[in-house]
Amino acid sequence: MTEFEVIKRPIVTEKGVSKKDEERTLCFEVHPNANKTQIKHAVERLFKVKVEDVRTAVFEGKLRRRGRFSGYASDWKKAYVRLKAGEKMPEYAEI
């Protein structure tokens, strides 16, 4: 699995931006089968930074209804990646 397959997109939300500013932590949506080691290597290669810690969370898809039709949204995985002290915080547009 390449770096671009592991990391799908950055998650830019109010919570994610505050974690980025205060805790040196980046949030990404990642491939559901990616493990923490693969996520760490992908971030280090793409952004050219050193990673201190990776935490992951798996979210189950919610039930969605459109009139009488219903279905489930896809399951997805989120990764919180903390950078080592002294590392420059990358902007998402710099990839």
N, C-alpha and C. Protein backbone atom coordinates (compact mmCIF):
# COMPACT_ATOMS: atom_id res chain seq x y z
N MET A 1 0.85 -1.17 0.00
CA MET A 1 0.00 0.00 0.00
C MET A 1 0.90 1.24 0.00
N THR A 2 0.71 2.16 -0.96
CA THR A 2 1.54 3.36 -1.04
C THR A 2 1.04 4.43 -0.07
N GLU A 3 1.83 5.50 0.06
CA GLU A 3 1.47 6.58 0.97
C GLU A 3 0.13 7.21 0.60
N PHE A 4 -0.10 7.32 -0.72
CA PHE A 4 -1.32 7.96 -1.18
C PHE A 4 -2.55 7.07 -1.01
N GLU A 5 -2.35 5.78 -0.87
CA GLU A 5 -3.46 4.88 -0.58
C GLU A 5 -3.76 4.83 0.91
N VAL A 6 -2.74 5.02 1.74
CA VAL A 6 -2.92 4.97 3.19
C VAL A 6 -3.68 6.20 3.66
N ILE A 7 -3.24 7.38 3.27
CA ILE A 7 -3.88 8.63 3.70
C ILE A 7 -4.85 9.07 2.61
N LYS A 8 -6.13 9.11 2.95
CA LYS A 8 -7.13 9.50 1.96
C LYS A 8 -7.27 11.01 1.88
N ARG A 9 -7.45 11.68 3.04
CA ARG A 9 -7.62 13.13 3.04
C ARG A 9 -7.41 13.67 4.45
N PRO A 10 -7.02 14.93 4.56
CA PRO A 10 -6.97 15.54 5.90
C PRO A 10 -8.38 15.90 6.35
N ILE A 11 -8.58 15.86 7.64
CA ILE A 11 -9.88 16.24 8.21
C ILE A 11 -9.74 17.64 8.78
N VAL A 12 -10.37 18.60 8.13
CA VAL A 12 -10.28 19.99 8.55
C VAL A 12 -11.60 20.37 9.20
N THR A 13 -11.64 20.24 10.52
CA THR A 13 -12.81 20.62 11.31
C THR A 13 -12.33 21.55 12.42
N GLU A 14 -13.27 22.10 13.15
CA GLU A 14 -12.90 23.00 14.24
C GLU A 14 -12.07 22.27 15.30
N LYS A 15 -12.46 21.05 15.62
CA LYS A 15 -11.71 20.26 16.59
C LYS A 15 -10.32 19.91 16.05
N GLY A 16 -10.25 19.52 14.77
CA GLY A 16 -8.98 19.16 14.16
C GLY A 16 -8.01 20.32 14.10
N VAL A 17 -8.51 21.51 13.77
CA VAL A 17 -7.65 22.70 13.67
C VAL A 17 -7.15 23.10 15.07
N SER A 18 -8.00 23.00 16.09
CA SER A 18 -7.56 23.34 17.44
C SER A 18 -6.51 22.34 17.94
N LYS A 19 -6.67 21.04 17.62
CA LYS A 19 -5.66 20.04 17.98
C LYS A 19 -4.35 20.33 17.26
N LYS A 20 -4.42 20.75 16.01
CA LYS A 20 -3.23 21.08 15.24
C LYS A 20 -2.48 22.24 15.87
N ASP A 21 -3.19 23.26 16.30
CA ASP A 21 -2.56 24.44 16.87
C ASP A 21 -2.03 24.21 18.28
N GLU A 22 -2.79 23.51 19.11
CA GLU A 22 -2.45 23.38 20.52
C GLU A 22 -1.61 22.15 20.86
N GLU A 23 -1.82 21.03 20.15
CA GLU A 23 -1.19 19.77 20.54
C GLU A 23 -0.25 19.18 19.48
N ARG A 24 0.05 19.94 18.41
CA ARG A 24 0.91 19.44 17.33
C ARG A 24 0.38 18.12 16.76
N THR A 25 -0.95 18.03 16.60
CA THR A 25 -1.59 16.79 16.15
C THR A 25 -2.36 17.04 14.86
N LEU A 26 -2.13 16.18 13.87
CA LEU A 26 -2.83 16.26 12.59
C LEU A 26 -3.90 15.17 12.53
N CYS A 27 -5.01 15.44 11.85
CA CYS A 27 -6.10 14.47 11.71
C CYS A 27 -6.23 14.09 10.24
N PHE A 28 -6.35 12.79 9.98
CA PHE A 28 -6.50 12.29 8.62
C PHE A 28 -7.56 11.20 8.58
N GLU A 29 -8.26 11.11 7.44
CA GLU A 29 -9.04 9.92 7.15
C GLU A 29 -8.09 8.97 6.45
N VAL A 30 -8.01 7.73 6.94
CA VAL A 30 -7.05 6.78 6.41
C VAL A 30 -7.77 5.52 5.91
N HIS A 31 -7.02 4.70 5.20
CA HIS A 31 -7.56 3.43 4.68
C HIS A 31 -7.95 2.55 5.87
N PRO A 32 -9.11 1.90 5.81
CA PRO A 32 -9.56 1.09 6.94
C PRO A 32 -8.62 -0.05 7.34
N ASN A 33 -7.81 -0.55 6.40
CA ASN A 33 -6.91 -1.65 6.72
C ASN A 33 -5.50 -1.19 7.07
N ALA A 34 -5.26 0.12 7.09
CA ALA A 34 -3.92 0.63 7.40
C ALA A 34 -3.66 0.53 8.90
N ASN A 35 -2.45 0.09 9.25
CA ASN A 35 -2.10 0.03 10.67
C ASN A 35 -1.30 1.29 11.05
N LYS A 36 -0.98 1.41 12.34
CA LYS A 36 -0.31 2.62 12.83
C LYS A 36 1.07 2.82 12.22
N THR A 37 1.79 1.75 12.00
CA THR A 37 3.13 1.85 11.41
C THR A 37 3.05 2.37 9.97
N GLN A 38 2.10 1.88 9.19
CA GLN A 38 1.93 2.35 7.82
C GLN A 38 1.53 3.83 7.80
N ILE A 39 0.66 4.24 8.71
CA ILE A 39 0.23 5.63 8.79
C ILE A 39 1.42 6.52 9.15
N LYS A 40 2.23 6.08 10.11
CA LYS A 40 3.40 6.86 10.53
C LYS A 40 4.37 7.06 9.36
N HIS A 41 4.69 5.99 8.63
CA HIS A 41 5.62 6.10 7.51
C HIS A 41 5.05 6.97 6.40
N ALA A 42 3.75 6.87 6.14
CA ALA A 42 3.12 7.67 5.09
C ALA A 42 3.19 9.16 5.41
N VAL A 43 2.91 9.53 6.66
CA VAL A 43 2.97 10.95 7.05
C VAL A 43 4.40 11.46 7.00
N GLU A 44 5.34 10.65 7.47
CA GLU A 44 6.74 11.07 7.45
C GLU A 44 7.25 11.28 6.02
N ARG A 45 6.83 10.43 5.09
CA ARG A 45 7.29 10.57 3.70
C ARG A 45 6.59 11.72 2.97
N LEU A 46 5.28 11.87 3.18
CA LEU A 46 4.55 12.90 2.47
C LEU A 46 4.88 14.31 2.95
N PHE A 47 4.97 14.50 4.27
CA PHE A 47 5.15 15.83 4.83
C PHE A 47 6.59 16.11 5.26
N LYS A 48 7.48 15.08 5.22
CA LYS A 48 8.88 15.23 5.60
C LYS A 48 9.02 15.76 7.03
N VAL A 49 8.34 15.10 7.96
CA VAL A 49 8.39 15.42 9.39
C VAL A 49 8.62 14.13 10.17
N LYS A 50 8.94 14.26 11.45
CA LYS A 50 9.09 13.11 12.34
C LYS A 50 7.83 12.96 13.18
N VAL A 51 7.30 11.74 13.25
CA VAL A 51 6.06 11.45 13.98
C VAL A 51 6.40 10.86 15.34
N GLU A 52 5.75 11.37 16.37
CA GLU A 52 5.95 10.86 17.73
C GLU A 52 4.95 9.77 18.07
N ASP A 53 3.67 9.96 17.70
CA ASP A 53 2.63 9.05 18.16
C ASP A 53 1.49 9.02 17.14
N VAL A 54 0.84 7.86 17.01
CA VAL A 54 -0.32 7.71 16.13
C VAL A 54 -1.43 7.05 16.93
N ARG A 55 -2.61 7.66 16.90
CA ARG A 55 -3.80 7.06 17.51
C ARG A 55 -4.86 6.92 16.42
N THR A 56 -5.62 5.84 16.46
CA THR A 56 -6.63 5.60 15.44
C THR A 56 -7.99 5.36 16.07
N ALA A 57 -9.03 5.64 15.29
CA ALA A 57 -10.41 5.39 15.71
C ALA A 57 -11.19 4.91 14.50
N VAL A 58 -12.01 3.88 14.68
CA VAL A 58 -12.83 3.34 13.60
C VAL A 58 -14.27 3.76 13.85
N PHE A 59 -14.91 4.34 12.82
CA PHE A 59 -16.28 4.81 12.92
C PHE A 59 -17.17 3.94 12.03
N GLU A 60 -18.27 3.45 12.60
CA GLU A 60 -19.22 2.66 11.84
C GLU A 60 -20.14 3.59 11.07
N GLY A 61 -20.51 3.17 9.86
CA GLY A 61 -21.40 3.98 9.02
C GLY A 61 -22.78 4.11 9.64
N LYS A 62 -23.37 5.29 9.51
CA LYS A 62 -24.68 5.55 10.07
C LYS A 62 -25.78 5.14 9.09
N LEU A 63 -26.95 4.84 9.64
CA LEU A 63 -28.11 4.56 8.81
C LEU A 63 -28.59 5.86 8.18
N ARG A 64 -28.77 5.86 6.87
CA ARG A 64 -29.25 7.03 6.14
C ARG A 64 -30.54 6.66 5.42
N ARG A 65 -31.50 7.57 5.47
CA ARG A 65 -32.79 7.33 4.81
C ARG A 65 -33.07 8.42 3.80
N ARG A 66 -33.62 8.02 2.67
CA ARG A 66 -34.12 8.95 1.66
C ARG A 66 -35.54 8.48 1.33
N GLY A 67 -36.51 9.07 1.98
CA GLY A 67 -37.89 8.63 1.79
C GLY A 67 -38.07 7.24 2.35
N ARG A 68 -38.54 6.33 1.53
CA ARG A 68 -38.75 4.96 2.01
C ARG A 68 -37.51 4.09 1.84
N PHE A 69 -36.48 4.62 1.19
CA PHE A 69 -35.25 3.85 0.97
C PHE A 69 -34.26 4.14 2.08
N SER A 70 -33.56 3.10 2.53
CA SER A 70 -32.58 3.30 3.59
C SER A 70 -31.32 2.49 3.26
N GLY A 71 -30.23 2.93 3.80
CA GLY A 71 -28.96 2.25 3.60
C GLY A 71 -27.95 2.78 4.61
N TYR A 72 -26.77 2.22 4.58
CA TYR A 72 -25.74 2.62 5.53
C TYR A 72 -24.60 3.34 4.82
N ALA A 73 -24.07 4.38 5.46
CA ALA A 73 -22.86 5.03 4.98
C ALA A 73 -21.69 4.09 5.24
N SER A 74 -20.60 4.27 4.53
CA SER A 74 -19.45 3.39 4.67
C SER A 74 -18.76 3.58 6.02
N ASP A 75 -18.17 2.50 6.54
CA ASP A 75 -17.33 2.60 7.73
C ASP A 75 -16.05 3.31 7.33
N TRP A 76 -15.44 4.06 8.26
CA TRP A 76 -14.21 4.76 7.96
C TRP A 76 -13.32 4.84 9.19
N LYS A 77 -12.05 5.17 8.95
CA LYS A 77 -11.04 5.18 10.01
C LYS A 77 -10.37 6.55 10.05
N LYS A 78 -10.18 7.05 11.27
CA LYS A 78 -9.55 8.35 11.48
C LYS A 78 -8.24 8.13 12.24
N ALA A 79 -7.22 8.92 11.88
CA ALA A 79 -5.93 8.83 12.57
C ALA A 79 -5.54 10.20 13.11
N TYR A 80 -5.12 10.21 14.38
CA TYR A 80 -4.55 11.41 15.00
C TYR A 80 -3.04 11.19 15.05
N VAL A 81 -2.28 12.05 14.38
CA VAL A 81 -0.84 11.90 14.26
C VAL A 81 -0.17 13.06 14.99
N ARG A 82 0.55 12.76 16.08
CA ARG A 82 1.26 13.79 16.83
C ARG A 82 2.70 13.87 16.35
N LEU A 83 3.15 15.10 16.07
CA LEU A 83 4.51 15.31 15.59
C LEU A 83 5.46 15.50 16.76
N LYS A 84 6.74 15.20 16.55
CA LYS A 84 7.75 15.39 17.58
C LYS A 84 7.96 16.88 17.84
N ALA A 85 8.45 17.20 19.02
CA ALA A 85 8.72 18.59 19.39
C ALA A 85 9.76 19.19 18.46
N GLY A 86 9.54 20.43 18.06
CA GLY A 86 10.48 21.11 17.19
C GLY A 86 10.23 20.93 15.70
N GLU A 87 9.27 20.06 15.34
CA GLU A 87 8.96 19.84 13.92
C GLU A 87 8.05 20.98 13.43
N LYS A 88 8.30 21.39 12.18
CA LYS A 88 7.47 22.43 11.57
C LYS A 88 6.12 21.83 11.22
N MET A 89 5.05 22.52 11.61
CA MET A 89 3.69 22.05 11.36
C MET A 89 3.36 22.28 9.88
N PRO A 90 3.13 21.21 9.11
CA PRO A 90 2.84 21.39 7.68
C PRO A 90 1.44 21.92 7.45
N GLU A 91 1.28 22.66 6.37
CA GLU A 91 -0.06 23.06 5.91
C GLU A 91 -0.51 22.00 4.93
N TYR A 92 -1.79 21.73 4.87
CA TYR A 92 -2.30 20.65 4.04
C TYR A 92 -2.12 20.94 2.55
N ALA A 93 -2.01 22.20 2.17
CA ALA A 93 -1.87 22.54 0.76
C ALA A 93 -0.43 22.35 0.25
N GLU A 94 0.51 21.95 1.13
CA GLU A 94 1.90 21.83 0.75
C GLU A 94 2.27 20.45 0.20
N ILE A 95 1.32 19.54 0.07
CA ILE A 95 1.62 18.18 -0.39
C ILE A 95 2.16 18.22 -1.79
